[in-house]
Amino acid sequence: MSTQILTPRPLRPADFAPYGDVVELGGDHVLINDGRCKRFSDLSALVADGGRVGISLFQSEVQALPYSCTLLERHPHGSQCFVPMEGCTTLYIVAEDDAGTPVRPKAFVAHGRQAVNIAANTWHGVLTPLSGGGLYTVIDRVDGGPNLEEYPLGMALTVLPGGGAE
């Protein structure tokens, strides 16, 4: 099996925008709870075309770099939001679509205070924590019919340390 090398970059909203939203503190907020709490509202729009949005917990094994990815998946009818619960540093591999085939993959590393909402129909790797306990809240479409397509890669995407990855 051949290999394509990826160097991850830090997760920044502008760089990740073609694939979804980065959900993190910043920007406008309102004070609530007698001024003791800042509310940062509507940081990302969830999509659940033809289904219901649910909240799930995922427990994933922590991986190390270099990391080899041989499968991408996408959810054509709904976005998928991953919220780390234990300060997990997370590797996100995403790719553009070309007539049903993932192309031009990129790798991003999110620090433990960043969540992502991967847009509907966006190719992405499986949940890959690099540190922390591997526990995530996942908000996504939970019913309404099939919403998963998998694409076994003909080559391995190997993500090397560097570019902001730990």
N, C-alpha and C. Protein backbone atom coordinates (compact mmCIF):
# COMPACT_ATOMS: atom_id res chain seq x y z
N MET A 1 0.84 -1.18 0.00
CA MET A 1 0.00 0.00 0.00
C MET A 1 0.89 1.24 0.00
N SER A 2 0.62 2.17 -0.89
CA SER A 2 1.39 3.41 -0.92
C SER A 2 0.92 4.35 0.19
N THR A 3 1.71 5.39 0.42
CA THR A 3 1.45 6.31 1.52
C THR A 3 1.50 7.75 1.03
N GLN A 4 0.57 8.57 1.52
CA GLN A 4 0.63 10.01 1.34
C GLN A 4 0.91 10.62 2.69
N ILE A 5 1.90 11.51 2.78
CA ILE A 5 2.31 12.12 4.03
C ILE A 5 1.53 13.42 4.24
N LEU A 6 0.96 13.59 5.43
CA LEU A 6 0.29 14.82 5.81
C LEU A 6 0.99 15.40 7.04
N THR A 7 1.17 16.71 7.06
CA THR A 7 1.67 17.41 8.24
C THR A 7 0.52 18.23 8.79
N PRO A 8 0.10 17.95 10.01
CA PRO A 8 -1.05 18.66 10.55
C PRO A 8 -0.72 20.11 10.87
N ARG A 9 -1.74 20.94 10.74
CA ARG A 9 -1.61 22.34 11.11
C ARG A 9 -2.56 22.61 12.27
N PRO A 10 -2.29 23.66 13.05
CA PRO A 10 -3.21 24.00 14.13
C PRO A 10 -4.60 24.31 13.56
N LEU A 11 -5.61 23.97 14.32
CA LEU A 11 -6.99 24.19 13.90
C LEU A 11 -7.34 25.67 14.04
N ARG A 12 -7.60 26.32 12.91
CA ARG A 12 -8.02 27.72 12.88
C ARG A 12 -9.30 27.82 12.07
N PRO A 13 -10.26 28.64 12.54
CA PRO A 13 -11.56 28.71 11.87
C PRO A 13 -11.48 28.98 10.37
N ALA A 14 -10.66 29.89 9.92
CA ALA A 14 -10.60 30.22 8.49
C ALA A 14 -10.08 29.05 7.66
N ASP A 15 -9.09 28.32 8.18
CA ASP A 15 -8.52 27.18 7.46
C ASP A 15 -9.49 26.00 7.39
N PHE A 16 -10.30 25.83 8.46
CA PHE A 16 -11.20 24.69 8.55
C PHE A 16 -12.56 24.97 7.90
N ALA A 17 -12.86 26.21 7.57
CA ALA A 17 -14.18 26.62 7.06
C ALA A 17 -14.72 25.77 5.91
N PRO A 18 -13.90 25.32 4.94
CA PRO A 18 -14.47 24.49 3.87
C PRO A 18 -15.03 23.16 4.35
N TYR A 19 -14.68 22.74 5.57
CA TYR A 19 -15.06 21.42 6.07
C TYR A 19 -16.08 21.49 7.21
N GLY A 20 -16.31 22.67 7.75
CA GLY A 20 -17.22 22.83 8.87
C GLY A 20 -16.82 24.00 9.72
N ASP A 21 -17.21 23.96 10.99
CA ASP A 21 -16.98 25.08 11.91
C ASP A 21 -16.08 24.66 13.05
N VAL A 22 -15.24 25.60 13.50
CA VAL A 22 -14.51 25.44 14.75
C VAL A 22 -15.37 26.10 15.82
N VAL A 23 -15.61 25.39 16.89
CA VAL A 23 -16.45 25.89 17.98
C VAL A 23 -15.54 26.15 19.16
N GLU A 24 -15.36 27.46 19.49
CA GLU A 24 -14.49 27.82 20.60
C GLU A 24 -14.91 29.17 21.15
N LEU A 25 -14.39 29.52 22.31
CA LEU A 25 -14.69 30.80 22.92
C LEU A 25 -14.15 31.93 22.07
N GLY A 26 -14.86 33.03 22.06
CA GLY A 26 -14.40 34.21 21.35
C GLY A 26 -15.56 34.94 20.72
N GLY A 27 -15.35 36.20 20.46
CA GLY A 27 -16.39 36.98 19.81
C GLY A 27 -17.41 37.51 20.80
N ASP A 28 -18.56 37.87 20.26
CA ASP A 28 -19.62 38.48 21.07
C ASP A 28 -20.19 37.50 22.08
N HIS A 29 -20.57 38.03 23.22
CA HIS A 29 -21.20 37.22 24.25
C HIS A 29 -22.13 38.11 25.08
N VAL A 30 -22.97 37.47 25.84
CA VAL A 30 -23.82 38.19 26.79
C VAL A 30 -23.57 37.59 28.17
N LEU A 31 -23.71 38.43 29.18
CA LEU A 31 -23.58 37.96 30.54
C LEU A 31 -24.92 37.43 31.01
N ILE A 32 -24.90 36.26 31.66
CA ILE A 32 -26.10 35.64 32.21
C ILE A 32 -25.80 35.19 33.64
N ASN A 33 -26.77 34.59 34.28
CA ASN A 33 -26.60 34.05 35.64
C ASN A 33 -26.06 35.11 36.60
N ASP A 34 -26.74 36.24 36.63
CA ASP A 34 -26.37 37.33 37.53
C ASP A 34 -24.94 37.82 37.27
N GLY A 35 -24.52 37.77 35.99
CA GLY A 35 -23.21 38.28 35.61
C GLY A 35 -22.05 37.35 35.85
N ARG A 36 -22.32 36.10 36.25
CA ARG A 36 -21.24 35.16 36.56
C ARG A 36 -20.87 34.26 35.38
N CYS A 37 -21.61 34.36 34.29
CA CYS A 37 -21.40 33.44 33.17
C CYS A 37 -21.49 34.20 31.85
N LYS A 38 -20.55 33.93 30.95
CA LYS A 38 -20.60 34.48 29.60
C LYS A 38 -21.23 33.45 28.68
N ARG A 39 -22.22 33.87 27.90
CA ARG A 39 -22.84 32.98 26.92
C ARG A 39 -22.39 33.40 25.53
N PHE A 40 -21.71 32.49 24.85
CA PHE A 40 -21.30 32.66 23.47
C PHE A 40 -22.30 31.85 22.65
N SER A 41 -23.25 32.50 21.99
CA SER A 41 -24.39 31.82 21.39
C SER A 41 -24.19 31.50 19.92
N ASP A 42 -24.86 30.44 19.49
CA ASP A 42 -25.00 30.09 18.08
C ASP A 42 -23.66 30.05 17.36
N LEU A 43 -22.72 29.27 17.90
CA LEU A 43 -21.37 29.19 17.34
C LEU A 43 -21.28 28.29 16.12
N SER A 44 -22.30 27.45 15.90
CA SER A 44 -22.31 26.58 14.74
C SER A 44 -23.73 26.08 14.53
N ALA A 45 -24.09 25.85 13.28
CA ALA A 45 -25.43 25.36 12.96
C ALA A 45 -25.38 23.85 12.75
N LEU A 46 -26.19 23.12 13.50
CA LEU A 46 -26.29 21.68 13.32
C LEU A 46 -27.24 21.37 12.19
N VAL A 47 -26.93 20.35 11.40
CA VAL A 47 -27.76 19.94 10.28
C VAL A 47 -28.19 18.50 10.52
N ALA A 48 -29.49 18.23 10.35
CA ALA A 48 -30.01 16.87 10.51
C ALA A 48 -31.13 16.65 9.50
N ASP A 49 -30.80 16.76 8.24
CA ASP A 49 -31.76 16.64 7.15
C ASP A 49 -32.56 15.34 7.28
N GLY A 50 -33.86 15.46 7.51
CA GLY A 50 -34.72 14.29 7.56
C GLY A 50 -34.58 13.45 8.81
N GLY A 51 -33.94 13.97 9.84
CA GLY A 51 -33.76 13.19 11.06
C GLY A 51 -33.82 14.07 12.29
N ARG A 52 -33.49 13.47 13.41
CA ARG A 52 -33.51 14.14 14.70
C ARG A 52 -32.08 14.30 15.20
N VAL A 53 -31.79 15.42 15.86
CA VAL A 53 -30.48 15.64 16.45
C VAL A 53 -30.45 14.98 17.82
N GLY A 54 -29.37 14.27 18.10
CA GLY A 54 -29.20 13.62 19.39
C GLY A 54 -27.82 13.91 19.96
N ILE A 55 -27.69 13.69 21.26
CA ILE A 55 -26.42 13.85 21.95
C ILE A 55 -25.95 12.46 22.38
N SER A 56 -24.73 12.11 21.97
CA SER A 56 -24.15 10.81 22.30
C SER A 56 -22.80 11.03 22.96
N LEU A 57 -22.29 10.00 23.63
CA LEU A 57 -20.93 10.02 24.16
C LEU A 57 -20.12 8.99 23.38
N PHE A 58 -18.92 9.38 22.95
CA PHE A 58 -18.00 8.48 22.27
C PHE A 58 -16.76 8.34 23.16
N GLN A 59 -16.30 7.13 23.36
CA GLN A 59 -15.05 6.85 24.07
C GLN A 59 -14.08 6.25 23.06
N SER A 60 -13.04 6.99 22.71
CA SER A 60 -12.12 6.56 21.66
C SER A 60 -10.72 6.34 22.22
N GLU A 61 -10.01 5.40 21.65
CA GLU A 61 -8.64 5.13 22.07
C GLU A 61 -7.71 6.24 21.61
N VAL A 62 -6.83 6.67 22.53
CA VAL A 62 -5.84 7.69 22.22
C VAL A 62 -4.81 7.09 21.27
N GLN A 63 -4.46 7.86 20.24
CA GLN A 63 -3.48 7.44 19.23
C GLN A 63 -2.23 8.31 19.34
N ALA A 64 -1.18 7.90 18.69
CA ALA A 64 0.08 8.66 18.68
C ALA A 64 0.45 8.98 17.24
N LEU A 65 1.24 10.04 17.07
CA LEU A 65 1.81 10.36 15.77
C LEU A 65 3.17 9.70 15.68
N PRO A 66 3.57 9.19 14.54
CA PRO A 66 2.82 9.20 13.29
C PRO A 66 1.57 8.31 13.38
N TYR A 67 0.55 8.73 12.65
CA TYR A 67 -0.73 8.04 12.62
C TYR A 67 -1.06 7.68 11.19
N SER A 68 -1.55 6.46 10.97
CA SER A 68 -1.88 6.01 9.62
C SER A 68 -3.39 5.86 9.48
N CYS A 69 -3.96 6.55 8.51
CA CYS A 69 -5.39 6.54 8.25
C CYS A 69 -5.65 5.83 6.92
N THR A 70 -6.52 4.82 6.92
CA THR A 70 -6.81 4.07 5.70
C THR A 70 -8.29 4.10 5.32
N LEU A 71 -9.09 4.86 6.09
CA LEU A 71 -10.53 4.92 5.84
C LEU A 71 -11.04 6.32 6.13
N LEU A 72 -11.84 6.86 5.21
CA LEU A 72 -12.56 8.11 5.45
C LEU A 72 -14.05 7.81 5.42
N GLU A 73 -14.81 8.66 6.06
CA GLU A 73 -16.26 8.51 6.07
C GLU A 73 -16.90 9.88 5.90
N ARG A 74 -18.20 9.86 5.58
CA ARG A 74 -18.97 11.10 5.54
C ARG A 74 -20.41 10.79 5.90
N HIS A 75 -21.11 11.84 6.27
CA HIS A 75 -22.51 11.73 6.68
C HIS A 75 -23.30 12.68 5.78
N PRO A 76 -23.94 12.16 4.72
CA PRO A 76 -24.56 13.01 3.70
C PRO A 76 -25.75 13.82 4.19
N HIS A 77 -26.39 13.42 5.29
CA HIS A 77 -27.62 14.08 5.71
C HIS A 77 -27.51 14.81 7.04
N GLY A 78 -26.31 15.01 7.54
CA GLY A 78 -26.19 15.71 8.80
C GLY A 78 -24.76 16.05 9.16
N SER A 79 -24.62 17.16 9.88
CA SER A 79 -23.32 17.53 10.41
C SER A 79 -23.02 16.66 11.63
N GLN A 80 -21.78 16.72 12.10
CA GLN A 80 -21.36 15.93 13.25
C GLN A 80 -20.43 16.79 14.09
N CYS A 81 -20.88 17.12 15.30
CA CYS A 81 -20.12 18.00 16.19
C CYS A 81 -19.43 17.16 17.27
N PHE A 82 -18.10 17.34 17.40
CA PHE A 82 -17.30 16.62 18.38
C PHE A 82 -16.82 17.61 19.44
N VAL A 83 -17.19 17.37 20.70
CA VAL A 83 -16.83 18.24 21.81
C VAL A 83 -15.98 17.43 22.80
N PRO A 84 -14.68 17.75 22.93
CA PRO A 84 -13.85 16.99 23.87
C PRO A 84 -14.28 17.26 25.31
N MET A 85 -14.32 16.20 26.11
CA MET A 85 -14.77 16.35 27.50
C MET A 85 -13.63 16.28 28.50
N GLU A 86 -12.47 15.85 28.08
CA GLU A 86 -11.35 15.67 29.02
C GLU A 86 -10.09 16.38 28.53
N GLY A 87 -10.27 17.51 27.87
CA GLY A 87 -9.11 18.26 27.39
C GLY A 87 -8.34 17.55 26.29
N CYS A 88 -9.02 16.73 25.52
CA CYS A 88 -8.35 15.94 24.48
C CYS A 88 -7.80 16.82 23.36
N THR A 89 -6.53 16.66 23.05
CA THR A 89 -5.99 17.17 21.80
C THR A 89 -6.43 16.18 20.73
N THR A 90 -6.95 16.69 19.61
CA THR A 90 -7.57 15.80 18.63
C THR A 90 -7.05 16.06 17.22
N LEU A 91 -6.78 14.98 16.49
CA LEU A 91 -6.40 15.05 15.09
C LEU A 91 -7.66 14.91 14.24
N TYR A 92 -7.89 15.85 13.35
CA TYR A 92 -8.99 15.77 12.39
C TYR A 92 -8.41 15.71 10.99
N ILE A 93 -8.73 14.65 10.26
CA ILE A 93 -8.35 14.51 8.86
C ILE A 93 -9.61 14.75 8.05
N VAL A 94 -9.55 15.66 7.09
CA VAL A 94 -10.69 15.99 6.26
C VAL A 94 -10.25 16.01 4.80
N ALA A 95 -11.21 15.87 3.89
CA ALA A 95 -10.88 15.89 2.47
C ALA A 95 -12.05 16.46 1.68
N GLU A 96 -11.72 17.04 0.55
CA GLU A 96 -12.73 17.52 -0.38
C GLU A 96 -13.34 16.33 -1.12
N ASP A 97 -14.45 16.57 -1.79
CA ASP A 97 -15.13 15.52 -2.55
C ASP A 97 -14.97 15.78 -4.05
N ASP A 98 -14.68 14.74 -4.80
CA ASP A 98 -14.65 14.81 -6.26
C ASP A 98 -15.47 13.63 -6.79
N ALA A 99 -16.74 13.89 -7.07
CA ALA A 99 -17.65 12.87 -7.62
C ALA A 99 -17.69 11.60 -6.77
N GLY A 100 -17.76 11.78 -5.45
CA GLY A 100 -17.87 10.63 -4.56
C GLY A 100 -16.55 10.08 -4.07
N THR A 101 -15.45 10.71 -4.43
CA THR A 101 -14.12 10.28 -4.02
C THR A 101 -13.46 11.38 -3.19
N PRO A 102 -12.93 11.05 -2.00
CA PRO A 102 -12.21 12.06 -1.23
C PRO A 102 -10.88 12.41 -1.91
N VAL A 103 -10.61 13.72 -1.99
CA VAL A 103 -9.38 14.21 -2.60
C VAL A 103 -8.80 15.34 -1.75
N ARG A 104 -7.52 15.62 -1.96
CA ARG A 104 -6.81 16.70 -1.31
C ARG A 104 -7.00 16.70 0.22
N PRO A 105 -6.60 15.62 0.88
CA PRO A 105 -6.78 15.55 2.34
C PRO A 105 -5.91 16.56 3.07
N LYS A 106 -6.41 16.97 4.21
CA LYS A 106 -5.68 17.89 5.09
C LYS A 106 -5.82 17.37 6.52
N ALA A 107 -4.87 17.71 7.35
CA ALA A 107 -4.90 17.30 8.76
C ALA A 107 -4.81 18.54 9.64
N PHE A 108 -5.62 18.56 10.69
CA PHE A 108 -5.65 19.66 11.65
C PHE A 108 -5.55 19.08 13.05
N VAL A 109 -4.94 19.85 13.96
CA VAL A 109 -4.89 19.46 15.36
C VAL A 109 -5.63 20.50 16.18
N ALA A 110 -6.64 20.04 16.93
CA ALA A 110 -7.43 20.90 17.81
C ALA A 110 -6.94 20.73 19.23
N HIS A 111 -6.76 21.85 19.93
CA HIS A 111 -6.41 21.76 21.35
C HIS A 111 -7.68 21.43 22.13
N GLY A 112 -7.55 21.08 23.37
CA GLY A 112 -8.64 20.53 24.17
C GLY A 112 -9.79 21.47 24.47
N ARG A 113 -9.68 22.74 24.08
CA ARG A 113 -10.79 23.68 24.30
C ARG A 113 -11.47 24.05 22.99
N GLN A 114 -11.21 23.29 21.94
CA GLN A 114 -11.85 23.50 20.64
C GLN A 114 -12.71 22.30 20.30
N ALA A 115 -13.89 22.57 19.78
CA ALA A 115 -14.75 21.53 19.23
C ALA A 115 -14.86 21.80 17.74
N VAL A 116 -15.29 20.81 16.98
CA VAL A 116 -15.56 21.03 15.56
C VAL A 116 -16.94 20.50 15.22
N ASN A 117 -17.58 21.16 14.28
CA ASN A 117 -18.82 20.67 13.70
C ASN A 117 -18.50 20.41 12.23
N ILE A 118 -18.30 19.14 11.89
CA ILE A 118 -17.95 18.77 10.52
C ILE A 118 -19.21 18.85 9.67
N ALA A 119 -19.13 19.58 8.58
CA ALA A 119 -20.29 19.82 7.73
C ALA A 119 -20.82 18.52 7.13
N ALA A 120 -22.12 18.50 6.87
CA ALA A 120 -22.74 17.36 6.20
C ALA A 120 -22.02 17.09 4.88
N ASN A 121 -21.85 15.82 4.57
CA ASN A 121 -21.28 15.37 3.31
C ASN A 121 -19.78 15.66 3.16
N THR A 122 -19.09 15.91 4.28
CA THR A 122 -17.65 16.17 4.26
C THR A 122 -16.90 14.90 4.65
N TRP A 123 -15.95 14.49 3.80
CA TRP A 123 -15.12 13.32 4.10
C TRP A 123 -14.24 13.64 5.31
N HIS A 124 -14.15 12.68 6.24
CA HIS A 124 -13.30 12.88 7.42
C HIS A 124 -12.84 11.54 7.96
N GLY A 125 -11.73 11.59 8.69
CA GLY A 125 -11.22 10.40 9.33
C GLY A 125 -12.03 10.07 10.57
N VAL A 126 -11.73 8.93 11.17
CA VAL A 126 -12.41 8.53 12.40
C VAL A 126 -11.90 9.38 13.55
N LEU A 127 -12.64 9.39 14.64
CA LEU A 127 -12.28 10.18 15.82
C LEU A 127 -10.90 9.76 16.32
N THR A 128 -9.98 10.74 16.42
CA THR A 128 -8.58 10.43 16.72
C THR A 128 -8.03 11.35 17.80
N PRO A 129 -8.27 11.03 19.09
CA PRO A 129 -7.64 11.81 20.14
C PRO A 129 -6.15 11.51 20.21
N LEU A 130 -5.35 12.55 20.43
CA LEU A 130 -3.90 12.39 20.57
C LEU A 130 -3.45 12.47 22.02
N SER A 131 -4.31 13.02 22.88
CA SER A 131 -4.03 13.10 24.31
C SER A 131 -5.35 13.20 25.05
N GLY A 132 -5.28 13.09 26.37
CA GLY A 132 -6.49 13.15 27.18
C GLY A 132 -7.10 11.77 27.29
N GLY A 133 -8.34 11.72 27.76
CA GLY A 133 -8.99 10.44 28.02
C GLY A 133 -9.79 9.88 26.87
N GLY A 134 -9.95 10.64 25.78
CA GLY A 134 -10.65 10.12 24.61
C GLY A 134 -12.17 10.16 24.71
N LEU A 135 -12.71 10.95 25.65
CA LEU A 135 -14.16 11.04 25.82
C LEU A 135 -14.69 12.31 25.15
N TYR A 136 -15.73 12.14 24.32
CA TYR A 136 -16.31 13.25 23.56
C TYR A 136 -17.83 13.22 23.67
N THR A 137 -18.42 14.39 23.71
CA THR A 137 -19.84 14.53 23.44
C THR A 137 -19.96 14.70 21.94
N VAL A 138 -20.86 13.94 21.31
CA VAL A 138 -21.07 14.04 19.87
C VAL A 138 -22.53 14.41 19.65
N ILE A 139 -22.73 15.47 18.88
CA ILE A 139 -24.07 15.94 18.56
C ILE A 139 -24.26 15.76 17.06
N ASP A 140 -25.20 14.89 16.70
CA ASP A 140 -25.39 14.61 15.28
C ASP A 140 -26.77 14.01 15.04
N ARG A 141 -27.04 13.71 13.79
CA ARG A 141 -28.31 13.11 13.36
C ARG A 141 -28.32 11.66 13.82
N VAL A 142 -29.37 11.28 14.57
CA VAL A 142 -29.40 9.94 15.16
C VAL A 142 -30.48 9.04 14.60
N ASP A 143 -31.36 9.55 13.76
CA ASP A 143 -32.36 8.70 13.14
C ASP A 143 -32.75 9.28 11.79
N GLY A 144 -33.71 8.66 11.13
CA GLY A 144 -34.15 9.17 9.83
C GLY A 144 -33.55 8.42 8.66
N GLY A 145 -32.95 7.27 8.91
CA GLY A 145 -32.40 6.47 7.83
C GLY A 145 -30.89 6.53 7.78
N PRO A 146 -30.30 5.79 6.83
CA PRO A 146 -28.84 5.72 6.72
C PRO A 146 -28.20 7.10 6.52
N ASN A 147 -27.09 7.31 7.19
CA ASN A 147 -26.38 8.58 7.10
C ASN A 147 -24.87 8.38 7.22
N LEU A 148 -24.38 7.29 6.70
CA LEU A 148 -22.94 7.00 6.76
C LEU A 148 -22.49 6.38 5.45
N GLU A 149 -21.43 6.96 4.89
CA GLU A 149 -20.73 6.36 3.74
C GLU A 149 -19.27 6.23 4.14
N GLU A 150 -18.70 5.07 3.89
CA GLU A 150 -17.28 4.84 4.17
C GLU A 150 -16.52 4.69 2.86
N TYR A 151 -15.27 5.14 2.86
CA TYR A 151 -14.42 5.06 1.68
C TYR A 151 -13.06 4.51 2.10
N PRO A 152 -12.82 3.20 1.86
CA PRO A 152 -11.49 2.64 2.12
C PRO A 152 -10.49 3.27 1.13
N LEU A 153 -9.43 3.80 1.65
CA LEU A 153 -8.43 4.46 0.81
C LEU A 153 -7.53 3.42 0.16
N GLY A 154 -7.09 3.69 -1.05
CA GLY A 154 -6.16 2.80 -1.73
C GLY A 154 -4.74 2.98 -1.24
N MET A 155 -4.54 3.96 -0.39
CA MET A 155 -3.24 4.24 0.19
C MET A 155 -3.44 4.68 1.62
N ALA A 156 -2.39 4.68 2.39
CA ALA A 156 -2.46 5.18 3.76
C ALA A 156 -2.15 6.67 3.77
N LEU A 157 -2.92 7.42 4.54
CA LEU A 157 -2.57 8.81 4.83
C LEU A 157 -1.80 8.77 6.14
N THR A 158 -0.54 9.10 6.08
CA THR A 158 0.30 9.07 7.28
C THR A 158 0.51 10.49 7.77
N VAL A 159 0.08 10.74 9.01
CA VAL A 159 0.22 12.05 9.61
C VAL A 159 1.42 12.04 10.53
N LEU A 160 2.37 12.91 10.22
CA LEU A 160 3.61 13.00 10.99
C LEU A 160 3.51 14.10 12.03
N PRO A 161 4.30 14.01 13.11
CA PRO A 161 4.34 15.11 14.06
C PRO A 161 4.85 16.38 13.37
N GLY A 162 4.48 17.51 13.92
CA GLY A 162 4.93 18.79 13.38
C GLY A 162 3.76 19.66 13.01
N GLY A 163 4.04 20.89 12.65
CA GLY A 163 3.00 21.81 12.23
C GLY A 163 2.00 22.13 13.33
N GLY A 164 2.43 22.02 14.60
CA GLY A 164 1.52 22.34 15.69
C GLY A 164 1.00 21.12 16.41
N ALA A 165 1.30 19.92 15.90
CA ALA A 165 0.84 18.70 16.57
C ALA A 165 1.78 18.35 17.70
N GLU A 166 1.24 17.75 18.72
CA GLU A 166 2.05 17.30 19.86
C GLU A 166 2.35 15.82 19.71
